Structures are given as C-alpha cells and as structure tokens.
Amino acid sequence: MAESPRTRLQVERVRALAQLENLTRELAGIMTSRADGSSGSDDEHDPEGATVAYERQHVAALLRRAHEQLDEVSAAQRKVDEGRYGSCDRCGLPIGAERLAARPAALTCVRCAARRPRPRG
C-alpha cells in the first residue's frame, strides 16, 4: 500500500528537522573550536587542507538549504490541507507522480522547476 502524501511529508519533516539539528550542532562545534583556538590560530593558511572558514561557510550553506527544505515541506503540507497537493504553484498543472515520489515536498512541476533561475554562488 502506498503512503499518503501526508505521511510522506511527515517523514520529510522529521528528516529535515534531524538535519537541522545535526548541522546546527556541527556549526556550533566549528564556532566553538575557532573561538577557543583549538582549530589553530592560522586557519586561513592551513597547509593541511580546508580552512575553518570554508567549513563554517559550507555548513552554514547546508543549514540554509535545510531551512528551505523545511519551509517547502510546510508549504506542501498546507497544500494537502487545502486540497491542492500535486498541482504546480507556477503553472497550475499536475506535478508528475514520479516527481512527487522522489520529492514529496515539490511545489512545482519539472518543467517549471527547470525554468527557475538558479542562485549564483
């Protein structure tokens, strides 16, 4: 028996919240190690590899994406409640079942998602 959209979205919410918790903890650890000096005093010129600044920026970007994912899940849950789940927010056409199976919180169809401008970074 296939899971209902509500159930799939609840699973996505739990995943997103767990990821937020883990990334928040990781970022706090990076900040603490930098503040107490345990990461070394010259993180910008570390010959061993990635800098603390890079790690901090990377985790912060992942944290922003996890917040976006949680927002998407919340929006999809509202669409379920309103009876609009599975319709594209941009064009109003149905979102394909395959897309919803892969991304239960998808708010747009594949065609509209492909047209969406990508953030530069």
N, C-alpha and C. Protein backbone atom coordinates (compact mmCIF):
# COMPACT_ATOMS: atom_id res chain seq x y z
N MET A 1 0.84 -1.19 0.00
CA MET A 1 0.00 0.00 0.00
C MET A 1 0.88 1.25 0.00
N ALA A 2 0.59 2.19 -0.89
CA ALA A 2 1.37 3.42 -1.00
C ALA A 2 1.07 4.34 0.18
N GLU A 3 2.12 5.05 0.59
CA GLU A 3 1.94 6.01 1.68
C GLU A 3 1.14 7.20 1.19
N SER A 4 0.40 7.80 2.08
CA SER A 4 -0.35 9.00 1.73
C SER A 4 0.61 10.19 1.65
N PRO A 5 0.23 11.24 0.91
CA PRO A 5 1.08 12.44 0.87
C PRO A 5 1.36 12.99 2.27
N ARG A 6 0.36 12.96 3.12
CA ARG A 6 0.52 13.47 4.48
C ARG A 6 1.62 12.69 5.23
N THR A 7 1.61 11.36 5.08
CA THR A 7 2.62 10.52 5.73
C THR A 7 4.00 10.77 5.15
N ARG A 8 4.10 10.85 3.83
CA ARG A 8 5.41 11.11 3.20
C ARG A 8 5.96 12.46 3.62
N LEU A 9 5.09 13.45 3.71
CA LEU A 9 5.54 14.78 4.12
C LEU A 9 5.96 14.80 5.59
N GLN A 10 5.29 14.02 6.42
CA GLN A 10 5.70 13.95 7.82
C GLN A 10 7.10 13.32 7.93
N VAL A 11 7.37 12.30 7.12
CA VAL A 11 8.70 11.69 7.10
C VAL A 11 9.73 12.73 6.65
N GLU A 12 9.40 13.50 5.63
CA GLU A 12 10.30 14.56 5.15
C GLU A 12 10.54 15.61 6.24
N ARG A 13 9.50 15.95 6.98
CA ARG A 13 9.64 16.93 8.07
C ARG A 13 10.61 16.41 9.13
N VAL A 14 10.45 15.15 9.51
CA VAL A 14 11.33 14.55 10.53
C VAL A 14 12.77 14.56 10.03
N ARG A 15 12.99 14.20 8.77
CA ARG A 15 14.34 14.23 8.19
C ARG A 15 14.93 15.63 8.22
N ALA A 16 14.14 16.61 7.79
CA ALA A 16 14.63 17.99 7.74
C ALA A 16 14.96 18.51 9.14
N LEU A 17 14.12 18.19 10.11
CA LEU A 17 14.39 18.63 11.48
C LEU A 17 15.65 17.97 12.04
N ALA A 18 15.85 16.69 11.74
CA ALA A 18 17.06 16.00 12.19
C ALA A 18 18.29 16.60 11.53
N GLN A 19 18.19 16.91 10.26
CA GLN A 19 19.32 17.52 9.56
C GLN A 19 19.62 18.90 10.14
N LEU A 20 18.58 19.68 10.42
CA LEU A 20 18.78 20.99 11.04
C LEU A 20 19.49 20.86 12.38
N GLU A 21 19.06 19.92 13.17
CA GLU A 21 19.68 19.71 14.48
C GLU A 21 21.15 19.33 14.34
N ASN A 22 21.45 18.39 13.45
CA ASN A 22 22.83 17.95 13.25
C ASN A 22 23.71 19.08 12.72
N LEU A 23 23.23 19.82 11.74
CA LEU A 23 24.02 20.91 11.17
C LEU A 23 24.21 22.05 12.15
N THR A 24 23.19 22.33 12.95
CA THR A 24 23.31 23.37 13.97
C THR A 24 24.38 22.98 14.98
N ARG A 25 24.37 21.72 15.37
CA ARG A 25 25.38 21.22 16.31
C ARG A 25 26.78 21.30 15.69
N GLU A 26 26.88 20.92 14.41
CA GLU A 26 28.17 20.95 13.73
C GLU A 26 28.70 22.38 13.61
N LEU A 27 27.82 23.32 13.26
CA LEU A 27 28.24 24.71 13.15
C LEU A 27 28.67 25.26 14.50
N ALA A 28 27.94 24.92 15.54
CA ALA A 28 28.31 25.37 16.89
C ALA A 28 29.69 24.82 17.26
N GLY A 29 29.96 23.57 16.91
CA GLY A 29 31.27 22.98 17.18
C GLY A 29 32.38 23.70 16.45
N ILE A 30 32.14 24.06 15.20
CA ILE A 30 33.14 24.80 14.42
C ILE A 30 33.39 26.15 15.06
N MET A 31 32.32 26.84 15.44
CA MET A 31 32.45 28.16 16.05
C MET A 31 33.18 28.06 17.39
N THR A 32 32.86 27.05 18.17
CA THR A 32 33.50 26.88 19.48
C THR A 32 34.98 26.58 19.32
N SER A 33 35.33 25.70 18.37
CA SER A 33 36.74 25.37 18.18
C SER A 33 37.52 26.58 17.69
N ARG A 34 36.90 27.41 16.90
CA ARG A 34 37.57 28.63 16.41
C ARG A 34 37.74 29.61 17.56
N ALA A 35 36.70 29.75 18.38
CA ALA A 35 36.74 30.72 19.48
C ALA A 35 37.75 30.32 20.55
N ASP A 36 37.87 29.02 20.82
CA ASP A 36 38.79 28.60 21.89
C ASP A 36 40.19 28.31 21.37
N GLY A 37 40.40 28.46 20.06
CA GLY A 37 41.73 28.29 19.49
C GLY A 37 42.12 26.86 19.20
N SER A 38 41.24 25.90 19.42
CA SER A 38 41.61 24.50 19.20
C SER A 38 41.74 24.15 17.73
N SER A 39 41.26 25.02 16.86
CA SER A 39 41.38 24.75 15.42
C SER A 39 42.68 25.30 14.86
N GLY A 40 43.49 25.89 15.70
CA GLY A 40 44.73 26.51 15.24
C GLY A 40 44.52 28.00 15.08
N SER A 41 45.59 28.72 15.08
CA SER A 41 45.46 30.18 15.04
C SER A 41 45.47 30.72 13.62
N ASP A 42 45.90 29.93 12.64
CA ASP A 42 46.02 30.44 11.27
C ASP A 42 45.19 29.59 10.33
N ASP A 43 43.87 29.60 10.53
CA ASP A 43 43.02 28.73 9.74
C ASP A 43 42.99 29.11 8.26
N GLU A 44 43.28 30.32 7.91
CA GLU A 44 43.24 30.75 6.52
C GLU A 44 44.45 30.25 5.73
N HIS A 45 45.50 29.82 6.40
CA HIS A 45 46.71 29.38 5.71
C HIS A 45 47.11 27.97 6.13
N ASP A 46 46.13 27.15 6.39
CA ASP A 46 46.37 25.78 6.83
C ASP A 46 46.83 24.92 5.66
N PRO A 47 48.08 24.44 5.66
CA PRO A 47 48.57 23.64 4.54
C PRO A 47 47.96 22.24 4.49
N GLU A 48 47.22 21.85 5.52
CA GLU A 48 46.65 20.51 5.59
C GLU A 48 45.35 20.36 4.81
N GLY A 49 44.77 21.43 4.35
CA GLY A 49 43.54 21.28 3.59
C GLY A 49 42.55 22.40 3.84
N ALA A 50 41.28 22.03 3.97
CA ALA A 50 40.19 23.00 4.11
C ALA A 50 40.38 23.86 5.35
N THR A 51 40.01 25.10 5.21
CA THR A 51 40.12 26.02 6.34
C THR A 51 38.87 25.95 7.20
N VAL A 52 39.00 26.44 8.41
CA VAL A 52 37.85 26.51 9.30
C VAL A 52 36.80 27.44 8.69
N ALA A 53 37.26 28.52 8.07
CA ALA A 53 36.31 29.46 7.44
C ALA A 53 35.52 28.76 6.34
N TYR A 54 36.18 27.93 5.54
CA TYR A 54 35.49 27.20 4.49
C TYR A 54 34.47 26.23 5.11
N GLU A 55 34.89 25.49 6.12
CA GLU A 55 33.99 24.54 6.77
C GLU A 55 32.77 25.27 7.34
N ARG A 56 33.00 26.41 7.96
CA ARG A 56 31.90 27.19 8.55
C ARG A 56 30.94 27.64 7.45
N GLN A 57 31.46 28.15 6.34
CA GLN A 57 30.61 28.60 5.24
C GLN A 57 29.85 27.43 4.61
N HIS A 58 30.53 26.30 4.47
CA HIS A 58 29.89 25.12 3.88
C HIS A 58 28.73 24.64 4.75
N VAL A 59 28.96 24.52 6.05
CA VAL A 59 27.91 24.06 6.96
C VAL A 59 26.78 25.10 7.02
N ALA A 60 27.12 26.38 6.99
CA ALA A 60 26.09 27.42 7.01
C ALA A 60 25.22 27.33 5.75
N ALA A 61 25.82 27.04 4.60
CA ALA A 61 25.04 26.88 3.36
C ALA A 61 24.13 25.66 3.45
N LEU A 62 24.64 24.55 3.99
CA LEU A 62 23.81 23.36 4.17
C LEU A 62 22.67 23.64 5.14
N LEU A 63 22.94 24.43 6.15
CA LEU A 63 21.92 24.80 7.13
C LEU A 63 20.83 25.64 6.48
N ARG A 64 21.21 26.60 5.63
CA ARG A 64 20.22 27.41 4.90
C ARG A 64 19.35 26.50 4.03
N ARG A 65 19.96 25.53 3.35
CA ARG A 65 19.20 24.63 2.48
C ARG A 65 18.25 23.76 3.30
N ALA A 66 18.68 23.34 4.49
CA ALA A 66 17.81 22.53 5.35
C ALA A 66 16.61 23.36 5.80
N HIS A 67 16.82 24.64 6.09
CA HIS A 67 15.70 25.53 6.45
C HIS A 67 14.75 25.68 5.26
N GLU A 68 15.31 25.82 4.06
CA GLU A 68 14.47 25.92 2.86
C GLU A 68 13.65 24.65 2.67
N GLN A 69 14.27 23.49 2.89
CA GLN A 69 13.57 22.21 2.76
C GLN A 69 12.41 22.14 3.75
N LEU A 70 12.65 22.56 4.98
CA LEU A 70 11.59 22.55 5.98
C LEU A 70 10.45 23.49 5.58
N ASP A 71 10.79 24.65 5.01
CA ASP A 71 9.77 25.58 4.52
C ASP A 71 8.96 24.94 3.38
N GLU A 72 9.64 24.22 2.48
CA GLU A 72 8.95 23.55 1.38
C GLU A 72 8.01 22.47 1.90
N VAL A 73 8.45 21.73 2.90
CA VAL A 73 7.59 20.69 3.49
C VAL A 73 6.35 21.34 4.10
N SER A 74 6.54 22.44 4.82
CA SER A 74 5.40 23.14 5.43
C SER A 74 4.43 23.63 4.36
N ALA A 75 4.96 24.17 3.27
CA ALA A 75 4.09 24.66 2.18
C ALA A 75 3.34 23.48 1.54
N ALA A 76 4.02 22.36 1.35
CA ALA A 76 3.36 21.18 0.77
C ALA A 76 2.28 20.65 1.71
N GLN A 77 2.54 20.67 3.01
CA GLN A 77 1.53 20.22 3.98
C GLN A 77 0.31 21.14 3.94
N ARG A 78 0.53 22.44 3.77
CA ARG A 78 -0.62 23.36 3.63
C ARG A 78 -1.42 23.03 2.38
N LYS A 79 -0.70 22.69 1.29
CA LYS A 79 -1.39 22.32 0.05
C LYS A 79 -2.23 21.06 0.24
N VAL A 80 -1.73 20.11 1.01
CA VAL A 80 -2.53 18.90 1.31
C VAL A 80 -3.80 19.32 2.03
N ASP A 81 -3.66 20.16 3.06
CA ASP A 81 -4.81 20.60 3.84
C ASP A 81 -5.83 21.36 2.99
N GLU A 82 -5.34 22.09 1.99
CA GLU A 82 -6.21 22.89 1.12
C GLU A 82 -6.72 22.10 -0.08
N GLY A 83 -6.27 20.85 -0.22
CA GLY A 83 -6.70 20.03 -1.36
C GLY A 83 -6.01 20.40 -2.65
N ARG A 84 -4.85 21.07 -2.58
CA ARG A 84 -4.12 21.48 -3.78
C ARG A 84 -2.82 20.73 -3.96
N TYR A 85 -2.57 19.72 -3.14
CA TYR A 85 -1.31 18.97 -3.24
C TYR A 85 -1.22 18.29 -4.60
N GLY A 86 -0.04 18.41 -5.21
CA GLY A 86 0.17 17.77 -6.51
C GLY A 86 -0.04 18.70 -7.68
N SER A 87 -0.42 19.95 -7.41
CA SER A 87 -0.54 20.92 -8.50
C SER A 87 0.60 21.93 -8.40
N CYS A 88 1.12 22.32 -9.55
CA CYS A 88 2.27 23.23 -9.63
C CYS A 88 1.89 24.63 -9.17
N ASP A 89 2.72 25.21 -8.32
CA ASP A 89 2.49 26.57 -7.84
C ASP A 89 2.65 27.61 -8.94
N ARG A 90 3.38 27.30 -9.99
CA ARG A 90 3.63 28.28 -11.05
C ARG A 90 2.61 28.19 -12.18
N CYS A 91 2.40 27.00 -12.72
CA CYS A 91 1.54 26.87 -13.91
C CYS A 91 0.18 26.25 -13.60
N GLY A 92 0.04 25.65 -12.42
CA GLY A 92 -1.22 25.04 -12.03
C GLY A 92 -1.47 23.64 -12.55
N LEU A 93 -0.58 23.16 -13.42
CA LEU A 93 -0.73 21.81 -13.97
C LEU A 93 -0.30 20.78 -12.91
N PRO A 94 -0.70 19.53 -13.11
CA PRO A 94 -0.30 18.49 -12.14
C PRO A 94 1.22 18.29 -12.11
N ILE A 95 1.71 18.05 -10.91
CA ILE A 95 3.11 17.66 -10.74
C ILE A 95 3.13 16.14 -10.94
N GLY A 96 4.04 15.65 -11.71
CA GLY A 96 4.09 14.22 -12.02
C GLY A 96 4.25 13.36 -10.77
N ALA A 97 3.63 12.18 -10.82
CA ALA A 97 3.69 11.25 -9.70
C ALA A 97 5.13 10.84 -9.40
N GLU A 98 5.96 10.70 -10.44
CA GLU A 98 7.36 10.32 -10.23
C GLU A 98 8.10 11.41 -9.46
N ARG A 99 7.82 12.66 -9.80
CA ARG A 99 8.48 13.78 -9.09
C ARG A 99 8.03 13.81 -7.64
N LEU A 100 6.76 13.63 -7.40
CA LEU A 100 6.26 13.64 -6.02
C LEU A 100 6.77 12.45 -5.22
N ALA A 101 6.99 11.32 -5.90
CA ALA A 101 7.56 10.16 -5.21
C ALA A 101 9.00 10.44 -4.80
N ALA A 102 9.74 11.13 -5.67
CA ALA A 102 11.14 11.45 -5.39
C ALA A 102 11.28 12.63 -4.45
N ARG A 103 10.39 13.62 -4.60
CA ARG A 103 10.44 14.84 -3.78
C ARG A 103 9.02 15.16 -3.31
N PRO A 104 8.58 14.55 -2.22
CA PRO A 104 7.20 14.76 -1.75
C PRO A 104 6.86 16.23 -1.49
N ALA A 105 7.86 17.05 -1.21
CA ALA A 105 7.60 18.46 -0.93
C ALA A 105 7.72 19.34 -2.17
N ALA A 106 7.81 18.75 -3.36
CA ALA A 106 7.93 19.53 -4.59
C ALA A 106 6.71 20.44 -4.73
N LEU A 107 6.98 21.70 -5.03
CA LEU A 107 5.90 22.67 -5.19
C LEU A 107 5.66 23.04 -6.64
N THR A 108 6.59 22.61 -7.51
CA THR A 108 6.47 22.91 -8.94
C THR A 108 6.68 21.65 -9.76
N CYS A 109 6.15 21.68 -10.97
CA CYS A 109 6.36 20.56 -11.90
C CYS A 109 7.80 20.63 -12.42
N VAL A 110 8.23 19.59 -13.09
CA VAL A 110 9.60 19.52 -13.60
C VAL A 110 9.86 20.67 -14.57
N ARG A 111 8.91 20.93 -15.46
CA ARG A 111 9.10 21.98 -16.46
C ARG A 111 9.31 23.34 -15.81
N CYS A 112 8.49 23.69 -14.83
CA CYS A 112 8.64 24.98 -14.15
C CYS A 112 9.90 25.02 -13.29
N ALA A 113 10.25 23.90 -12.68
CA ALA A 113 11.47 23.85 -11.87
C ALA A 113 12.70 24.06 -12.74
N ALA A 114 12.67 23.56 -13.97
CA ALA A 114 13.80 23.72 -14.88
C ALA A 114 13.95 25.18 -15.31
N ARG A 115 12.87 25.93 -15.33
CA ARG A 115 12.91 27.33 -15.74
C ARG A 115 13.30 28.26 -14.60
N ARG A 116 13.27 27.75 -13.40
CA ARG A 116 13.58 28.57 -12.22
C ARG A 116 15.04 29.01 -12.26
N PRO A 117 15.29 30.30 -12.07
CA PRO A 117 16.68 30.75 -12.05
C PRO A 117 17.43 30.13 -10.87
N ARG A 118 18.63 29.68 -11.15
CA ARG A 118 19.47 29.07 -10.10
C ARG A 118 20.24 30.16 -9.37
N PRO A 119 20.33 30.04 -8.04
CA PRO A 119 21.12 31.04 -7.30
C PRO A 119 22.59 30.94 -7.69
N ARG A 120 23.23 32.07 -7.76
CA ARG A 120 24.65 32.09 -8.07
C ARG A 120 25.42 32.04 -6.77
N GLY A 121 26.51 31.36 -6.79
CA GLY A 121 27.25 31.28 -5.54
C GLY A 121 28.59 30.88 -5.67
